[in-house]
Structure formats: structure tokens, C-alpha cells
Protein backbone atom coordinates (compact mmCIF):
# COMPACT_ATOMS: atom_id res chain seq x y z
CA MET A 1 -11.49 -22.31 13.38
CA LYS A 2 -8.95 -21.60 15.90
CA SER A 3 -5.59 -19.82 14.91
CA LYS A 4 -2.64 -19.54 17.28
CA THR A 5 0.44 -17.35 16.13
CA THR A 6 3.84 -18.19 16.77
CA ALA A 7 6.42 -15.18 16.37
CA ARG A 8 9.94 -16.27 15.31
CA ALA A 9 11.26 -12.71 16.04
CA PRO A 10 10.07 -10.25 18.73
CA LEU A 11 7.96 -8.24 16.89
CA PHE A 12 4.15 -8.12 15.81
CA VAL A 13 3.44 -10.97 13.44
CA ALA A 14 0.65 -9.44 10.88
CA VAL A 15 -2.06 -11.32 9.48
CA LEU A 16 -5.16 -10.61 7.63
CA VAL A 17 -8.11 -12.68 8.44
CA ALA A 18 -11.08 -12.51 6.24
CA ALA A 19 -14.21 -14.15 6.69
CA LEU A 20 -15.43 -16.24 3.10
CA LEU A 21 -18.87 -14.91 2.79
CA ALA A 22 -19.48 -14.80 -0.58
CA ALA A 23 -23.05 -16.04 -1.66
CA CYS A 24 -21.61 -19.13 -3.98
CA SER A 25 -18.92 -20.29 -1.32
CA THR A 26 -18.87 -22.34 1.98
CA PRO A 27 -18.55 -19.91 4.85
CA GLY A 28 -15.26 -20.14 6.57
CA THR A 29 -11.89 -18.15 7.28
CA ARG A 30 -8.86 -17.14 5.15
CA VAL A 31 -5.64 -16.21 7.07
CA VAL A 32 -2.92 -14.08 5.02
CA LEU A 33 0.63 -13.89 6.40
CA LEU A 34 1.75 -10.27 5.81
CA PRO A 35 5.48 -9.01 5.68
CA GLN A 36 7.01 -7.49 8.64
CA ALA A 37 8.20 -3.90 8.12
CA ASP A 38 11.80 -4.71 8.61
CA GLY A 39 11.94 -7.47 6.72
CA SER A 40 12.47 -10.13 9.49
CA PRO A 41 10.69 -13.77 9.16
CA SER A 42 7.97 -14.43 11.04
CA ALA A 43 4.99 -17.07 11.23
CA VAL A 44 1.45 -18.21 12.14
CA THR A 45 0.26 -21.48 12.82
CA VAL A 46 -3.59 -21.62 11.67
CA ARG A 47 -5.64 -24.57 13.25
CA ALA A 48 -8.92 -25.96 11.87
CA LYS A 49 -10.69 -28.85 13.18
CA ASP A 50 -9.01 -31.81 11.61
CA GLY A 51 -5.52 -30.32 11.16
CA GLU A 52 -2.90 -27.42 11.18
CA GLU A 53 -0.76 -25.59 8.74
CA VAL A 54 2.21 -23.09 9.22
CA LEU A 55 2.43 -19.95 7.30
CA SER A 56 6.23 -18.73 7.06
CA ARG A 57 6.14 -16.89 3.95
CA PRO A 58 5.19 -13.56 3.15
CA TYR A 59 1.55 -13.44 1.37
CA GLN A 60 1.24 -17.20 2.05
CA ARG A 61 -2.45 -17.83 2.85
CA ALA A 62 -4.42 -20.63 4.53
CA THR A 63 -8.08 -21.27 3.92
CA ALA A 64 -10.62 -23.24 6.05
CA LYS A 65 -14.47 -23.95 5.31
CA VAL A 66 -16.63 -24.64 7.98
CA GLY A 67 -17.65 -28.26 8.28
CA ALA A 68 -14.84 -29.26 5.29
CA ALA A 69 -12.40 -31.83 6.68
CA GLY A 70 -8.69 -31.92 6.99
CA ALA A 71 -6.38 -29.13 7.43
CA PRO A 72 -6.68 -25.54 5.94
CA VAL A 73 -5.53 -25.34 2.33
CA VAL A 74 -2.17 -23.49 2.05
CA ASP A 75 -1.36 -21.68 -1.37
CA GLN A 76 0.63 -18.30 -2.28
CA ALA A 77 -1.18 -15.23 -2.49
CA ASP A 78 -0.96 -12.52 -5.16
CA ALA A 79 0.62 -9.48 -2.96
CA ALA A 80 -0.85 -6.58 -5.05
CA LYS A 81 -3.73 -8.08 -5.14
CA ILE A 82 -4.36 -8.55 -1.21
CA GLN A 83 -3.47 -5.23 -1.14
CA ALA A 84 -5.73 -3.88 -3.93
CA ASP A 85 -8.91 -6.13 -2.25
CA HIS A 86 -8.30 -4.94 1.34
CA LYS A 87 -6.83 -1.29 0.51
CA ILE A 88 -9.12 0.58 3.18
CA LEU A 89 -7.05 -2.00 5.85
CA PHE A 90 -3.44 -1.31 4.21
CA ASP A 91 -3.97 2.58 4.63
CA MET A 92 -5.31 1.70 8.46
CA ARG A 93 -2.18 0.49 9.51
CA PRO A 94 -0.19 2.59 11.99
CA PRO A 95 3.35 3.67 10.96
CA ALA A 96 6.47 1.69 11.56
CA PRO A 97 8.07 2.37 14.62
CA GLN A 98 10.97 4.64 15.07
CA ARG A 99 13.99 3.51 16.71
CA TYR A 100 16.89 5.60 18.34
CA THR A 101 19.96 4.44 20.18
CA VAL A 102 21.71 6.70 23.04
CA TYR A 103 25.08 5.75 24.55
CA PHE A 104 26.20 6.37 27.96
CA ASP A 105 29.65 7.05 29.94
CA ALA A 106 31.13 4.30 31.72
CA GLY A 107 29.91 2.78 34.63
CA GLY A 108 26.88 5.16 35.21
CA THR A 109 23.63 6.95 33.65
CA THR A 110 25.10 10.08 32.05
CA LEU A 111 24.38 10.28 28.20
CA THR A 112 27.11 10.77 25.96
CA PRO A 113 27.41 14.67 24.31
CA ALA A 114 26.47 12.87 20.98
CA SER A 115 23.63 11.12 22.36
CA GLN A 116 21.99 14.12 23.84
CA GLN A 117 20.92 15.33 19.98
CA VAL A 118 19.59 11.55 19.35
CA MET A 119 17.55 12.09 22.95
CA ASN A 120 16.38 15.29 21.24
CA GLU A 121 15.22 13.43 18.22
CA ALA A 122 13.55 10.71 20.09
CA LEU A 123 11.50 13.31 22.19
CA ILE A 124 9.96 15.23 19.21
CA ALA A 125 9.03 12.13 17.67
CA ALA A 126 7.14 10.94 20.48
CA GLN A 127 5.28 14.14 20.74
CA THR A 128 4.61 14.51 17.04
CA ARG A 129 3.21 10.72 16.71
CA SER A 130 -0.31 10.74 17.38
CA GLY A 131 -1.10 8.13 20.40
CA SER A 132 2.34 6.96 20.71
CA ASP A 133 3.76 5.07 23.27
CA ILE A 134 7.64 4.21 23.99
CA VAL A 135 9.41 1.15 24.96
CA VAL A 136 13.15 2.25 26.63
CA THR A 137 15.39 -0.98 27.34
CA GLY A 138 18.53 -0.60 28.98
CA HIS A 139 22.24 -2.50 28.26
CA THR A 140 25.79 -2.68 29.59
CA ASP A 141 28.90 -3.82 28.35
CA THR A 142 30.39 -6.95 29.94
CA LYS A 143 32.50 -4.87 32.67
CA GLY A 144 31.34 -6.07 35.89
CA VAL A 145 29.18 -8.30 37.83
CA LEU A 146 26.04 -9.40 36.29
CA GLU A 147 23.60 -8.76 38.62
CA GLN A 148 24.93 -5.26 39.14
CA ASN A 149 25.05 -4.77 35.22
CA ASP A 150 21.34 -5.84 35.51
CA MET A 151 20.59 -2.89 37.91
CA LEU A 152 22.60 -0.33 36.05
CA SER A 153 20.90 -1.12 32.69
CA GLN A 154 17.40 -0.47 34.80
CA ARG A 155 18.57 2.81 35.88
CA ARG A 156 19.84 3.75 32.67
CA ALA A 157 16.48 2.73 31.08
CA GLN A 158 14.51 4.62 34.00
CA GLU A 159 17.10 7.66 33.41
CA VAL A 160 15.76 8.20 29.39
CA MET A 161 12.36 7.43 30.59
CA GLN A 162 12.80 10.55 33.16
CA LEU A 163 13.71 12.80 30.35
CA PHE A 164 10.58 11.99 28.26
CA VAL A 165 8.33 12.59 31.42
CA GLU A 166 10.36 15.85 32.00
CA ARG A 167 8.86 17.01 28.29
CA GLN A 168 5.20 16.18 29.55
CA PHE A 169 5.23 12.74 27.67
CA PRO A 170 2.78 10.19 29.99
CA SER A 171 4.49 7.82 31.90
CA THR A 172 1.99 5.69 31.58
CA ARG A 173 2.68 5.23 28.10
CA ILE A 174 6.14 4.49 28.61
CA GLU A 175 7.98 1.09 29.14
CA ALA A 176 11.09 0.80 30.65
CA VAL A 177 13.29 -2.34 31.06
CA GLY A 178 17.15 -3.59 31.68
CA ARG A 179 18.71 -6.40 29.76
CA GLY A 180 22.19 -6.12 31.60
CA GLU A 181 24.63 -7.09 29.35
CA ARG A 182 22.92 -10.19 27.89
CA GLU A 183 22.12 -8.70 24.46
CA PRO A 184 25.43 -6.99 23.45
CA ALA A 185 25.14 -4.79 20.20
CA VAL A 186 28.90 -6.06 20.00
CA PRO A 187 29.41 -9.55 21.01
CA THR A 188 32.65 -9.56 23.49
CA ALA A 189 34.40 -11.43 25.95
CA ASP A 190 33.68 -10.76 29.91
CA GLU A 191 35.03 -7.87 31.23
CA VAL A 192 35.40 -6.14 28.32
CA ASP A 193 34.80 -2.20 28.16
CA GLU A 194 32.87 -1.88 24.83
CA PRO A 195 31.34 1.72 24.58
CA ARG A 196 28.80 0.59 21.97
CA ASN A 197 27.14 -2.07 24.14
CA ARG A 198 26.31 1.03 27.05
CA ARG A 199 23.52 2.17 25.79
CA VAL A 200 19.69 2.24 25.66
CA THR A 201 17.58 1.49 22.67
CA ILE A 202 14.15 3.96 22.33
CA GLU A 203 11.15 2.41 20.11
CA VAL A 204 8.54 4.93 19.41
CA ARG A 205 5.54 3.34 18.16
């Protein structure tokens, strides 16, 4: 059986895949869609030789047996039983990402005074979380030209990345990207000076 994940949100789609190896059952594969940590929707497409099914609800389950005709059989698994049967796997899941947002003065890469403390909290979280990596995403408001805002958002992300590096966090475990004015926290018209959009989001995971 082949399986293909189709994300409906920019997050990891968590699935539990188990082989059906009981002596009295036909070998095959079972896929259970787990809920996202933040409650956002997700989906996974499960494909078998003769068809496919989409799982889109938490703890929805698809079972495909080797040699069986047709698409995978879908039902709703009991959440408590799944967690009890696979407790070791659930205990091994990494903790949920920690997210922080810092803000900037207009037109530049200088953090606002209030954001200095948030930056320190993010630095501590990154240093104390074993094996962590960081995604830093820069944003701007809608003032100015689109291309210039793209570059400004990248510079803001790089500035925050450098603060982590200066505190001895490995640069190879940091991804810094700029999104310009494309993903405002507060939607506005063009050429609007909105402080809440001049930001960098930090995800420590």
C-alpha cells in the first residue's frame, strides 16, 4: 500500500501507522490521523492498490489488507484506546513548538524595547530545549514597495538569527526567511503603517 499526505495547514500532519501482524488477521497496514497540537485541521490521503480514502477528522482510521480488493476501509477509532495501545509512541512525541513574536521600529531592523524581553525568553527556550531548531520569519507592514519590503523582512529575520548565533546557538539549526508584506497579522490597505505587522515570528521546535 502507498500512502500520501496532503496538508491543509502549514503544519506537520501527524499519523500513526501500524502493521496488522496478529496471527489471525491478514497482513496489511492501518493509518490513524492524529490531531494537531494547536487544533488546526489536517488531512492525509491513504492509497491502496484499487482505490484511496481521505482521512480528515482526528482519530479517523483507514485499514488496507494485503491482497484485498477495493479502497481502504475507513472507520472512527477510539482516541483513548489508540493512546493506551500506543502509549510508548505517544510518550516519545516531541513537545509542541514554542512560538514568540518580536516587533520592530518603522522602516528598519531595530527591535522595540518591549521585544527585547521576548527575545531573551526565546533565546532561553532555544538553549534549554534539547536538540532544538529554530524557524525565524520576517514580516513588514504595507508601507513602501513590495520588493523593498521583501528585502526588509529578510534583513529582520537575519537580524534575529544573528542574535541567536551571538548566544552560541548553532547557525546550521536556524532557518531565516522573509515574507515581506504578504502575511500581515492585521490585514490593512496598501501604504498603511501598522506596528503589529512589523514583526518576526520565532518558532522553537
